PDB file of N, CA and C in Angstrom:
ATOM      1  N   MET A   1     -57.269 -40.735 -35.391  1.00  0.00           N
ATOM      2  CA  MET A   1     -57.083 -40.215 -33.646  1.00  0.00           C
ATOM      3  C   MET A   1     -56.421 -41.255 -32.972  1.00  0.00           C
ATOM      4  N   LEU A   2     -56.433 -42.693 -33.158  1.00  0.00           N
ATOM      5  CA  LEU A   2     -55.215 -43.112 -32.282  1.00  0.00           C
ATOM      6  C   LEU A   2     -53.970 -42.634 -32.672  1.00  0.00           C
ATOM      7  N   GLN A   3     -53.297 -42.061 -33.891  1.00  0.00           N
ATOM      8  CA  GLN A   3     -52.298 -41.927 -34.191  1.00  0.00           C
ATOM      9  C   GLN A   3     -51.728 -40.071 -33.918  1.00  0.00           C
ATOM     10  N   GLU A   4     -53.016 -39.524 -33.685  1.00  0.00           N
ATOM     11  CA  GLU A   4     -52.626 -38.323 -32.699  1.00  0.00           C
ATOM     12  C   GLU A   4     -52.771 -38.531 -31.651  1.00  0.00           C
ATOM     13  N   SER A   5     -53.339 -39.330 -30.816  1.00  0.00           N
ATOM     14  CA  SER A   5     -53.132 -39.582 -29.649  1.00  0.00           C
ATOM     15  C   SER A   5     -51.722 -40.232 -28.914  1.00  0.00           C
ATOM     16  N   ALA A   6     -51.301 -40.776 -30.293  1.00  0.00           N
ATOM     17  CA  ALA A   6     -49.844 -41.751 -29.776  1.00  0.00           C
ATOM     18  C   ALA A   6     -48.640 -40.012 -30.148  1.00  0.00           C
ATOM     19  N   GLN A   7     -48.603 -39.398 -30.958  1.00  0.00           N
ATOM     20  CA  GLN A   7     -48.062 -37.971 -31.223  1.00  0.00           C
ATOM     21  C   GLN A   7     -48.686 -37.533 -30.113  1.00  0.00           C
ATOM     22  N   LEU A   8     -49.144 -37.367 -29.422  1.00  0.00           N
ATOM     23  CA  LEU A   8     -49.353 -36.453 -28.122  1.00  0.00           C
ATOM     24  C   LEU A   8     -49.205 -37.492 -27.226  1.00  0.00           C
ATOM     25  N   VAL A   9     -49.056 -38.507 -26.796  1.00  0.00           N
ATOM     26  CA  VAL A   9     -48.552 -38.610 -26.105  1.00  0.00           C
ATOM     27  C   VAL A   9     -46.573 -38.829 -25.508  1.00  0.00           C
ATOM     28  N   VAL A  10     -46.154 -38.939 -27.156  1.00  0.00           N
ATOM     29  CA  VAL A  10     -44.711 -38.357 -27.649  1.00  0.00           C
ATOM     30  C   VAL A  10     -44.584 -37.453 -27.024  1.00  0.00           C
ATOM     31  N   LEU A  11     -45.306 -36.532 -27.151  1.00  0.00           N
ATOM     32  CA  LEU A  11     -44.972 -34.970 -27.099  1.00  0.00           C
ATOM     33  C   LEU A  11     -45.070 -34.694 -25.327  1.00  0.00           C
ATOM     34  N   ILE A  12     -46.038 -35.715 -24.992  1.00  0.00           N
ATOM     35  CA  ILE A  12     -45.864 -34.683 -23.491  1.00  0.00           C
ATOM     36  C   ILE A  12     -44.875 -35.596 -23.067  1.00  0.00           C
ATOM     37  N   GLU A  13     -44.252 -36.424 -23.642  1.00  0.00           N
ATOM     38  CA  GLU A  13     -43.256 -37.422 -22.971  1.00  0.00           C
ATOM     39  C   GLU A  13     -41.874 -36.724 -22.609  1.00  0.00           C
ATOM     40  N   GLN A  14     -41.965 -35.869 -24.070  1.00  0.00           N
ATOM     41  CA  GLN A  14     -40.375 -35.179 -24.628  1.00  0.00           C
ATOM     42  C   GLN A  14     -40.968 -34.276 -23.692  1.00  0.00           C
ATOM     43  N   LEU A  15     -41.919 -33.265 -23.320  1.00  0.00           N
ATOM     44  CA  LEU A  15     -42.280 -32.424 -22.719  1.00  0.00           C
ATOM     45  C   LEU A  15     -42.012 -32.605 -21.416  1.00  0.00           C
ATOM     46  N   THR A  16     -42.184 -33.718 -20.801  1.00  0.00           N
ATOM     47  CA  THR A  16     -41.664 -34.256 -19.429  1.00  0.00           C
ATOM     48  C   THR A  16     -40.244 -34.047 -19.019  1.00  0.00           C
ATOM     49  N   VAL A  17     -39.500 -34.968 -20.066  1.00  0.00           N
ATOM     50  CA  VAL A  17     -38.113 -34.929 -20.234  1.00  0.00           C
ATOM     51  C   VAL A  17     -38.160 -33.303 -19.986  1.00  0.00           C
ATOM     52  N   ARG A  18     -37.613 -32.798 -20.804  1.00  0.00           N
ATOM     53  CA  ARG A  18     -37.612 -31.462 -21.085  1.00  0.00           C
ATOM     54  C   ARG A  18     -37.920 -30.647 -19.534  1.00  0.00           C
ATOM     55  N   GLN A  19     -38.634 -30.738 -18.629  1.00  0.00           N
ATOM     56  CA  GLN A  19     -39.197 -30.150 -17.887  1.00  0.00           C
ATOM     57  C   GLN A  19     -38.257 -31.157 -16.596  1.00  0.00           C
ATOM     58  N   GLN A  20     -37.729 -32.451 -16.896  1.00  0.00           N
ATOM     59  CA  GLN A  20     -36.693 -32.569 -15.913  1.00  0.00           C
ATOM     60  C   GLN A  20     -35.675 -32.027 -16.030  1.00  0.00           C
ATOM     61  N   GLU A  21     -35.344 -32.046 -17.304  1.00  0.00           N
ATOM     62  CA  GLU A  21     -34.468 -31.283 -17.271  1.00  0.00           C
ATOM     63  C   GLU A  21     -33.873 -29.877 -17.019  1.00  0.00           C
ATOM     64  N   ILE A  22     -34.966 -29.034 -16.971  1.00  0.00           N
ATOM     65  CA  ILE A  22     -35.331 -27.761 -16.615  1.00  0.00           C
ATOM     66  C   ILE A  22     -34.964 -27.766 -15.111  1.00  0.00           C
ATOM     67  N   ALA A  23     -36.052 -28.672 -14.448  1.00  0.00           N
ATOM     68  CA  ALA A  23     -35.625 -28.928 -12.835  1.00  0.00           C
ATOM     69  C   ALA A  23     -34.344 -29.081 -12.770  1.00  0.00           C
ATOM     70  N   ALA A  24     -33.693 -29.591 -12.851  1.00  0.00           N
ATOM     71  CA  ALA A  24     -32.165 -30.239 -12.827  1.00  0.00           C
ATOM     72  C   ALA A  24     -31.289 -29.290 -12.905  1.00  0.00           C
ATOM     73  N   THR A  25     -31.884 -28.458 -13.906  1.00  0.00           N
ATOM     74  CA  THR A  25     -30.648 -27.173 -14.324  1.00  0.00           C
ATOM     75  C   THR A  25     -30.857 -26.309 -13.440  1.00  0.00           C
ATOM     76  N   MET A  26     -32.265 -26.236 -12.519  1.00  0.00           N
ATOM     77  CA  MET A  26     -33.027 -25.298 -11.797  1.00  0.00           C
ATOM     78  C   MET A  26     -32.445 -25.338 -10.493  1.00  0.00           C
ATOM     79  N   GLN A  27     -32.249 -27.087  -9.725  1.00  0.00           N
ATOM     80  CA  GLN A  27     -31.597 -27.272  -8.410  1.00  0.00           C
ATOM     81  C   GLN A  27     -30.194 -27.057  -8.748  1.00  0.00           C
ATOM     82  N   ALA A  28     -29.345 -26.787 -10.003  1.00  0.00           N
ATOM     83  CA  ALA A  28     -28.361 -27.071 -10.004  1.00  0.00           C
ATOM     84  C   ALA A  28     -27.866 -25.117  -9.688  1.00  0.00           C
ATOM     85  N   VAL A  29     -28.218 -24.644  -9.810  1.00  0.00           N
ATOM     86  CA  VAL A  29     -28.547 -22.574 -10.018  1.00  0.00           C
ATOM     87  C   VAL A  29     -28.009 -22.449  -8.953  1.00  0.00           C
ATOM     88  N   PRO A  30     -28.377 -23.080  -7.611  1.00  0.00           N
ATOM     89  CA  PRO A  30     -28.050 -22.538  -6.000  1.00  0.00           C
ATOM     90  C   PRO A  30     -26.576 -22.391  -6.542  1.00  0.00           C
ATOM     91  N   THR A  31     -26.399 -24.007  -6.753  1.00  0.00           N
ATOM     92  CA  THR A  31     -24.721 -24.138  -6.408  1.00  0.00           C
ATOM     93  C   THR A  31     -23.801 -23.883  -7.581  1.00  0.00           C
ATOM     94  N   MET A  32     -24.718 -23.353  -8.528  1.00  0.00           N
ATOM     95  CA  MET A  32     -23.613 -22.175  -9.150  1.00  0.00           C
ATOM     96  C   MET A  32     -23.715 -20.786  -9.122  1.00  0.00           C
ATOM     97  N   VAL A  33     -24.249 -20.503  -8.462  1.00  0.00           N
ATOM     98  CA  VAL A  33     -24.179 -19.112  -7.869  1.00  0.00           C
ATOM     99  C   VAL A  33     -23.486 -19.223  -6.631  1.00  0.00           C
ATOM    100  N   ARG A  34     -23.124 -20.012  -5.690  1.00  0.00           N
ATOM    101  CA  ARG A  34     -22.572 -20.282  -4.590  1.00  0.00           C
ATOM    102  C   ARG A  34     -21.006 -20.622  -4.892  1.00  0.00           C
ATOM    103  N   GLN A  35     -20.698 -21.239  -6.265  1.00  0.00           N
ATOM    104  CA  GLN A  35     -19.317 -21.292  -6.693  1.00  0.00           C
ATOM    105  C   GLN A  35     -18.694 -20.069  -7.467  1.00  0.00           C
ATOM    106  N   ALA A  36     -19.904 -19.005  -7.711  1.00  0.00           N
ATOM    107  CA  ALA A  36     -19.366 -18.012  -8.616  1.00  0.00           C
ATOM    108  C   ALA A  36     -18.969 -16.897  -7.657  1.00  0.00           C
ATOM    109  N   GLY A  37     -19.951 -17.152  -6.368  1.00  0.00           N
ATOM    110  CA  GLY A  37     -19.588 -16.430  -5.483  1.00  0.00           C
ATOM    111  C   GLY A  37     -18.578 -16.490  -4.669  1.00  0.00           C
ATOM    112  N   LEU A  38     -17.896 -17.235  -4.653  1.00  0.00           N
ATOM    113  CA  LEU A  38     -16.659 -18.069  -4.009  1.00  0.00           C
ATOM    114  C   LEU A  38     -15.673 -17.508  -5.084  1.00  0.00           C
ATOM    115  N   GLU A  39     -16.003 -18.097  -5.864  1.00  0.00           N
ATOM    116  CA  GLU A  39     -14.193 -17.297  -7.061  1.00  0.00           C
ATOM    117  C   GLU A  39     -14.542 -16.006  -6.813  1.00  0.00           C
ATOM    118  N   ALA A  40     -16.035 -15.094  -7.065  1.00  0.00           N
ATOM    119  CA  ALA A  40     -15.630 -13.910  -7.366  1.00  0.00           C
ATOM    120  C   ALA A  40     -14.889 -13.488  -5.771  1.00  0.00           C
ATOM    121  N   ALA A  41     -15.171 -14.116  -4.880  1.00  0.00           N
ATOM    122  CA  ALA A  41     -14.283 -13.958  -3.375  1.00  0.00           C
ATOM    123  C   ALA A  41     -13.088 -14.365  -3.500  1.00  0.00           C
ATOM    124  N   ALA A  42     -12.490 -15.224  -4.483  1.00  0.00           N
ATOM    125  CA  ALA A  42     -11.057 -15.837  -4.306  1.00  0.00           C
ATOM    126  C   ALA A  42     -10.859 -15.023  -4.620  1.00  0.00           C
ATOM    127  N   ASN A  43     -10.970 -13.958  -6.063  1.00  0.00           N
ATOM    128  CA  ASN A  43     -10.518 -13.264  -6.913  1.00  0.00           C
ATOM    129  C   ASN A  43     -10.061 -11.850  -5.932  1.00  0.00           C
ATOM    130  N   ALA A  44     -11.277 -11.429  -5.027  1.00  0.00           N
ATOM    131  CA  ALA A  44     -11.247  -9.937  -4.658  1.00  0.00           C
ATOM    132  C   ALA A  44     -10.238 -10.743  -3.308  1.00  0.00           C
ATOM    133  N   GLY A  45      -9.741 -11.716  -2.973  1.00  0.00           N
ATOM    134  CA  GLY A  45      -8.998 -11.848  -1.682  1.00  0.00           C
ATOM    135  C   GLY A  45      -7.561 -11.647  -2.619  1.00  0.00           C
ATOM    136  N   SER A  46      -7.632 -12.284  -3.634  1.00  0.00           N
ATOM    137  CA  SER A  46      -6.132 -12.085  -4.412  1.00  0.00           C
ATOM    138  C   SER A  46      -5.903 -11.151  -4.723  1.00  0.00           C
ATOM    139  N   GLN A  47      -6.881 -10.215  -5.278  1.00  0.00           N
ATOM    140  CA  GLN A  47      -6.885  -8.547  -5.537  1.00  0.00           C
ATOM    141  C   GLN A  47      -6.186  -8.309  -4.157  1.00  0.00           C
ATOM    142  N   ALA A  48      -6.982  -7.992  -2.837  1.00  0.00           N
ATOM    143  CA  ALA A  48      -6.538  -7.304  -2.131  1.00  0.00           C
ATOM    144  C   ALA A  48      -5.237  -8.309  -1.232  1.00  0.00           C
ATOM    145  N   ALA A  49      -4.817  -8.837  -1.522  1.00  0.00           N
ATOM    146  CA  ALA A  49      -3.287  -9.782  -1.017  1.00  0.00           C
ATOM    147  C   ALA A  49      -2.357  -9.144  -2.051  1.00  0.00           C
ATOM    148  N   ARG A  50      -2.460  -8.784  -3.577  1.00  0.00           N
ATOM    149  CA  ARG A  50      -1.737  -7.998  -3.880  1.00  0.00           C
ATOM    150  C   ARG A  50      -1.446  -6.590  -3.886  1.00  0.00           C
ATOM    151  N   SER A  51      -2.640  -5.767  -3.045  1.00  0.00           N
ATOM    152  CA  SER A  51      -3.074  -4.617  -2.979  1.00  0.00           C
ATOM    153  C   SER A  51      -1.492  -4.210  -1.240  1.00  0.00           C
ATOM    154  N   LEU A  52      -1.913  -5.331  -0.847  1.00  0.00           N
ATOM    155  CA  LEU A  52      -1.084  -5.339   0.529  1.00  0.00           C
ATOM    156  C   LEU A  52      -0.173  -5.633   0.357  1.00  0.00           C
ATOM    157  N   LEU A  53       0.360  -6.697  -0.425  1.00  0.00           N
ATOM    158  CA  LEU A  53       1.692  -7.016  -0.343  1.00  0.00           C
ATOM    159  C   LEU A  53       1.986  -5.429  -1.639  1.00  0.00           C
ATOM    160  N   GLU A  54       2.042  -4.922  -2.030  1.00  0.00           N
ATOM    161  CA  GLU A  54       2.339  -3.775  -2.561  1.00  0.00           C
ATOM    162  C   GLU A  54       2.493  -2.591  -1.325  1.00  0.00           C
ATOM    163  N   ALA A  55       1.588  -2.647  -1.042  1.00  0.00           N
ATOM    164  CA  ALA A  55       1.346  -1.327   0.053  1.00  0.00           C
ATOM    165  C   ALA A  55       2.557  -1.988   1.224  1.00  0.00           C
ATOM    166  N   SER A  56       3.095  -3.066   1.680  1.00  0.00           N
ATOM    167  CA  SER A  56       4.591  -3.669   2.633  1.00  0.00           C
ATOM    168  C   SER A  56       5.208  -3.227   2.090  1.00  0.00           C
ATOM    169  N   ARG A  57       5.529  -3.356   0.451  1.00  0.00           N
ATOM    170  CA  ARG A  57       7.122  -2.974  -0.419  1.00  0.00           C
ATOM    171  C   ARG A  57       7.226  -1.880   0.128  1.00  0.00           C
ATOM    172  N   THR A  58       6.022  -0.939  -0.525  1.00  0.00           N
ATOM    173  CA  THR A  58       6.169   0.766   0.172  1.00  0.00           C
ATOM    174  C   THR A  58       6.600   1.078   1.689  1.00  0.00           C
ATOM    175  N   LEU A  59       5.655   0.279   2.538  1.00  0.00           N
ATOM    176  CA  LEU A  59       6.306   0.744   3.443  1.00  0.00           C
ATOM    177  C   LEU A  59       7.689   0.061   4.353  1.00  0.00           C
ATOM    178  N   ALA A  60       8.005  -0.959   3.220  1.00  0.00           N
ATOM    179  CA  ALA A  60       9.679  -1.058   3.943  1.00  0.00           C
ATOM    180  C   ALA A  60      10.453  -0.525   2.578  1.00  0.00           C
ATOM    181  N   LYS A  61      10.343  -0.066   1.712  1.00  0.00           N
ATOM    182  CA  LYS A  61      11.051   1.107   1.001  1.00  0.00           C
ATOM    183  C   LYS A  61      10.953   2.370   1.853  1.00  0.00           C
ATOM    184  N   SER A  62      10.025   2.875   2.636  1.00  0.00           N
ATOM    185  CA  SER A  62       9.918   3.645   3.083  1.00  0.00           C
ATOM    186  C   SER A  62      11.035   4.335   4.388  1.00  0.00           C
ATOM    187  N   THR A  63      10.552   2.782   5.131  1.00  0.00           N
ATOM    188  CA  THR A  63      11.529   2.403   6.810  1.00  0.00           C
ATOM    189  C   THR A  63      13.291   2.697   5.525  1.00  0.00           C
ATOM    190  N   SER A  64      13.524   1.745   4.604  1.00  0.00           N
ATOM    191  CA  SER A  64      15.062   1.727   4.274  1.00  0.00           C
ATOM    192  C   SER A  64      15.127   3.405   4.391  1.00  0.00           C
ATOM    193  N   ASP A  65      14.449   4.014   3.395  1.00  0.00           N
ATOM    194  CA  ASP A  65      14.904   5.030   3.720  1.00  0.00           C
ATOM    195  C   ASP A  65      14.811   6.370   4.895  1.00  0.00           C
ATOM    196  N   ALA A  66      14.274   6.222   5.412  1.00  0.00           N
ATOM    197  CA  ALA A  66      13.802   7.416   6.926  1.00  0.00           C
ATOM    198  C   ALA A  66      15.231   6.766   7.441  1.00  0.00           C
ATOM    199  N   ARG A  67      15.381   4.704   7.925  1.00  0.00           N
ATOM    200  CA  ARG A  67      16.712   5.310   7.918  1.00  0.00           C
ATOM    201  C   ARG A  67      18.250   5.422   7.480  1.00  0.00           C
ATOM    202  N   VAL A  68      18.217   5.635   5.860  1.00  0.00           N
ATOM    203  CA  VAL A  68      19.404   6.200   5.280  1.00  0.00           C
ATOM    204  C   VAL A  68      19.434   7.512   5.899  1.00  0.00           C
ATOM    205  N   ALA A  69      18.097   8.305   5.697  1.00  0.00           N
ATOM    206  CA  ALA A  69      18.047   9.821   6.378  1.00  0.00           C
ATOM    207  C   ALA A  69      18.601   9.800   7.883  1.00  0.00           C
ATOM    208  N   THR A  70      18.135   9.021   8.775  1.00  0.00           N
ATOM    209  CA  THR A  70      18.437   9.291  10.533  1.00  0.00           C
ATOM    210  C   THR A  70      19.883   9.105  10.116  1.00  0.00           C
ATOM    211  N   ARG A  71      20.549   7.581   9.848  1.00  0.00           N
ATOM    212  CA  ARG A  71      22.107   7.763   9.412  1.00  0.00           C
ATOM    213  C   ARG A  71      23.073   9.056   8.965  1.00  0.00           C
ATOM    214  N   VAL A  72      22.068   9.767   7.634  1.00  0.00           N
ATOM    215  CA  VAL A  72      22.878  10.909   7.341  1.00  0.00           C
ATOM    216  C   VAL A  72      23.000  12.306   7.991  1.00  0.00           C
ATOM    217  N   ALA A  73      21.858  11.913   8.472  1.00  0.00           N
ATOM    218  CA  ALA A  73      21.822  13.260  10.160  1.00  0.00           C
ATOM    219  C   ALA A  73      22.163  12.720  10.779  1.00  0.00           C
ATOM    220  N   THR A  74      22.647  11.783  11.746  1.00  0.00           N
ATOM    221  CA  THR A  74      23.493  11.672  12.127  1.00  0.00           C
ATOM    222  C   THR A  74      24.919  10.779  12.565  1.00  0.00           C
ATOM    223  N   ARG A  75      24.982  11.318  11.420  1.00  0.00           N
ATOM    224  CA  ARG A  75      26.211  11.715  11.471  1.00  0.00           C
ATOM    225  C   ARG A  75      27.112  13.538  10.766  1.00  0.00           C
ATOM    226  N   ALA A  76      26.478  13.848  10.317  1.00  0.00           N
ATOM    227  CA  ALA A  76      26.119  15.584  10.000  1.00  0.00           C
ATOM    228  C   ALA A  76      26.102  16.033  11.282  1.00  0.00           C
ATOM    229  N   LEU A  77      25.262  15.387  12.299  1.00  0.00           N
ATOM    230  CA  LEU A  77      24.991  16.454  13.092  1.00  0.00           C
ATOM    231  C   LEU A  77      26.553  16.589  13.862  1.00  0.00           C
ATOM    232  N   PRO A  78      27.281  15.874  14.080  1.00  0.00           N
ATOM    233  CA  PRO A  78      28.809  16.547  15.007  1.00  0.00           C
ATOM    234  C   PRO A  78      29.087  16.922  13.676  1.00  0.00           C
ATOM    235  N   ALA A  79      29.549  16.914  12.662  1.00  0.00           N
ATOM    236  CA  ALA A  79      29.977  17.988  11.787  1.00  0.00           C
ATOM    237  C   ALA A  79      29.407  18.921  11.935  1.00  0.00           C
ATOM    238  N   ALA A  80      28.082  19.353  11.805  1.00  0.00           N
ATOM    239  CA  ALA A  80      27.813  20.719  12.155  1.00  0.00           C
ATOM    240  C   ALA A  80      27.976  21.494  13.298  1.00  0.00           C
ATOM    241  N   ALA A  81      27.918  20.454  14.293  1.00  0.00           N
ATOM    242  CA  ALA A  81      28.191  21.166  16.096  1.00  0.00           C
ATOM    243  C   ALA A  81      29.704  21.257  15.663  1.00  0.00           C
ATOM    244  N   TRP A  82      30.567  20.612  15.177  1.00  0.00           N
ATOM    245  CA  TRP A  82      32.009  20.997  15.509  1.00  0.00           C
ATOM    246  C   TRP A  82      32.247  22.407  14.453  1.00  0.00           C
ATOM    247  N   ARG A  83      31.434  22.727  12.961  1.00  0.00           N
ATOM    248  CA  ARG A  83      32.271  23.483  12.687  1.00  0.00           C
ATOM    249  C   ARG A  83      31.499  24.872  13.266  1.00  0.00           C
ATOM    250  N   ALA A  84      29.978  24.630  14.151  1.00  0.00           N
ATOM    251  CA  ALA A  84      29.527  25.918  15.018  1.00  0.00           C
ATOM    252  C   ALA A  84      30.419  26.268  15.434  1.00  0.00           C
ATOM    253  N   GLY A  85      30.855  25.497  16.559  1.00  0.00           N
ATOM    254  CA  GLY A  85      31.891  25.764  17.741  1.00  0.00           C
ATOM    255  C   GLY A  85      32.985  26.458  17.032  1.00  0.00           C
ATOM    256  N   VAL A  86      33.334  25.955  16.402  1.00  0.00           N
ATOM    257  CA  VAL A  86      34.800  26.549  15.395  1.00  0.00           C
ATOM    258  C   VAL A  86      34.488  28.018  15.133  1.00  0.00           C
ATOM    259  N   LEU A  87      33.564  28.348  14.558  1.00  0.00           N
ATOM    260  CA  LEU A  87      32.888  29.226  14.135  1.00  0.00           C
ATOM    261  C   LEU A  87      32.480  30.690  15.595  1.00  0.00           C
ATOM    262  N   CYS A  88      31.781  30.020  16.465  1.00  0.00           N
ATOM    263  CA  CYS A  88      31.445  30.395  17.489  1.00  0.00           C
ATOM    264  C   CYS A  88      32.827  30.878  18.514  1.00  0.00           C
ATOM    265  N   GLY A  89      34.060  30.649  18.370  1.00  0.00           N
ATOM    266  CA  GLY A  89      35.700  30.578  18.894  1.00  0.00           C
ATOM    267  C   GLY A  89      35.613  31.668  18.320  1.00  0.00           C
ATOM    268  N   VAL A  90      35.994  31.511  17.102  1.00  0.00           N
ATOM    269  CA  VAL A  90      36.240  32.066  15.669  1.00  0.00           C
ATOM    270  C   VAL A  90      35.908  33.460  16.575  1.00  0.00           C
ATOM    271  N   CYS A  91      34.569  34.104  16.208  1.00  0.00           N
ATOM    272  CA  CYS A  91      33.858  35.070  16.718  1.00  0.00           C
ATOM    273  C   CYS A  91      34.050  35.340  17.587  1.00  0.00           C
ATOM    274  N   ALA A  92      34.659  34.525  18.905  1.00  0.00           N
ATOM    275  CA  ALA A  92      34.936  35.422  19.958  1.00  0.00           C
ATOM    276  C   ALA A  92      36.386  35.870  20.344  1.00  0.00           C
ATOM    277  N   LEU A  93      37.290  35.376  19.476  1.00  0.00           N
ATOM    278  CA  LEU A  93      38.369  35.880  19.072  1.00  0.00           C
ATOM    279  C   LEU A  93      38.381  36.783  18.702  1.00  0.00           C
ATOM    280  N   ILE A  94      37.845  36.950  17.522  1.00  0.00           N
ATOM    281  CA  ILE A  94      37.655  38.321  16.747  1.00  0.00           C
ATOM    282  C   ILE A  94      36.895  39.614  17.708  1.00  0.00           C
ATOM    283  N   GLY A  95      35.983  39.443  18.185  1.00  0.00           N
ATOM    284  CA  GLY A  95      35.240  40.248  19.844  1.00  0.00           C
ATOM    285  C   GLY A  95      36.097  40.515  20.748  1.00  0.00           C
ATOM    286  N   SER A  96      36.546  39.611  20.690  1.00  0.00           N
ATOM    287  CA  SER A  96      37.800  39.879  22.217  1.00  0.00           C
ATOM    288  C   SER A  96      38.808  40.622  21.467  1.00  0.00           C
ATOM    289  N   GLY A  97      39.647  40.221  20.100  1.00  0.00           N
ATOM    290  CA  GLY A  97      40.480  41.753  19.342  1.00  0.00           C
ATOM    291  C   GLY A  97      40.362  43.046  19.096  1.00  0.00           C
ATOM    292  N   ILE A  98      38.834  43.256  18.805  1.00  0.00           N
ATOM    293  CA  ILE A  98      38.377  44.561  18.901  1.00  0.00           C
ATOM    294  C   ILE A  98      37.804  45.003  19.742  1.00  0.00           C
ATOM    295  N   GLY A  99      37.274  43.928  21.101  1.00  0.00           N
ATOM    296  CA  GLY A  99      37.538  45.066  22.377  1.00  0.00           C
ATOM    297  C   GLY A  99      38.683  45.779  22.681  1.00  0.00           C
ATOM    298  N   GLY A 100      39.194  44.270  22.720  1.00  0.00           N
ATOM    299  CA  GLY A 100      40.956  44.546  23.093  1.00  0.00           C
ATOM    300  C   GLY A 100      41.315  45.696  22.576  1.00  0.00           C
ATOM    301  N   ALA A 101      40.997  46.000  21.182  1.00  0.00           N
ATOM    302  CA  ALA A 101      41.787  47.001  20.637  1.00  0.00           C
ATOM    303  C   ALA A 101      41.022  48.512  21.306  1.00  0.00           C
ATOM    304  N   LEU A 102      39.669  48.353  21.080  1.00  0.00           N
ATOM    305  CA  LEU A 102      39.260  49.366  21.796  1.00  0.00           C
ATOM    306  C   LEU A 102      39.380  49.816  22.798  1.00  0.00           C
ATOM    307  N   VAL A 103      39.830  48.877  24.115  1.00  0.00           N
ATOM    308  CA  VAL A 103      40.397  49.589  25.242  1.00  0.00           C
ATOM    309  C   VAL A 103      41.393  50.216  25.263  1.00  0.00           C
ATOM    310  N   ALA A 104      42.222  49.621  24.257  1.00  0.00           N
ATOM    311  CA  ALA A 104      44.051  50.241  23.886  1.00  0.00           C
ATOM    312  C   ALA A 104      43.706  51.917  23.681  1.00  0.00           C
ATOM    313  N   LEU A 105      42.762  51.834  22.583  1.00  0.00           N
ATOM    314  CA  LEU A 105      42.365  53.201  22.608  1.00  0.00           C
ATOM    315  C   LEU A 105      42.033  54.198  23.002  1.00  0.00           C
ATOM    316  N   ALA A 106      40.984  53.484  24.014  1.00  0.00           N
ATOM    317  CA  ALA A 106      40.279  54.459  24.800  1.00  0.00           C
ATOM    318  C   ALA A 106      41.587  54.249  25.870  1.00  0.00           C
ATOM    319  N   LEU A 107      42.654  53.815  26.490  1.00  0.00           N
ATOM    320  CA  LEU A 107      43.169  54.404  27.449  1.00  0.00           C
ATOM    321  C   LEU A 107      44.382  55.106  26.988  1.00  0.00           C
ATOM    322  N   ARG A 108      44.820  54.945  25.613  1.00  0.00           N
ATOM    323  CA  ARG A 108      45.701  55.837  25.107  1.00  0.00           C
ATOM    324  C   ARG A 108      45.367  57.280  24.785  1.00  0.00           C
ATOM    325  N   GLN A 109      44.143  57.241  24.834  1.00  0.00           N
ATOM    326  CA  GLN A 109      43.892  58.481  24.686  1.00  0.00           C
ATOM    327  C   GLN A 109      43.491  59.464  26.002  1.00  0.00           C
TER     328      GLN A 109
END
């Protein structure tokens, strides 16, 4: 009976040690959860920063393309206006020639 009691006391001591280990682990759980949350937030923040960087690069490229297109349009505008003016002048001369020819034909008759 003494041996059984001694074995029982040893088992109870082992159980107590195990319960203390479990209690220590349980006390560490909130810290581990908090750490995991911080790591997840850091990862999400890092991913968001990468996405913002990519978006800013795309925006910068679009801005650069828009500037190039504006320069091309600005340079093309005077040339197009000059061509349109020359075309209008030529049409006016042709129209004046046709009108003069009609007046001349009308006066001859």
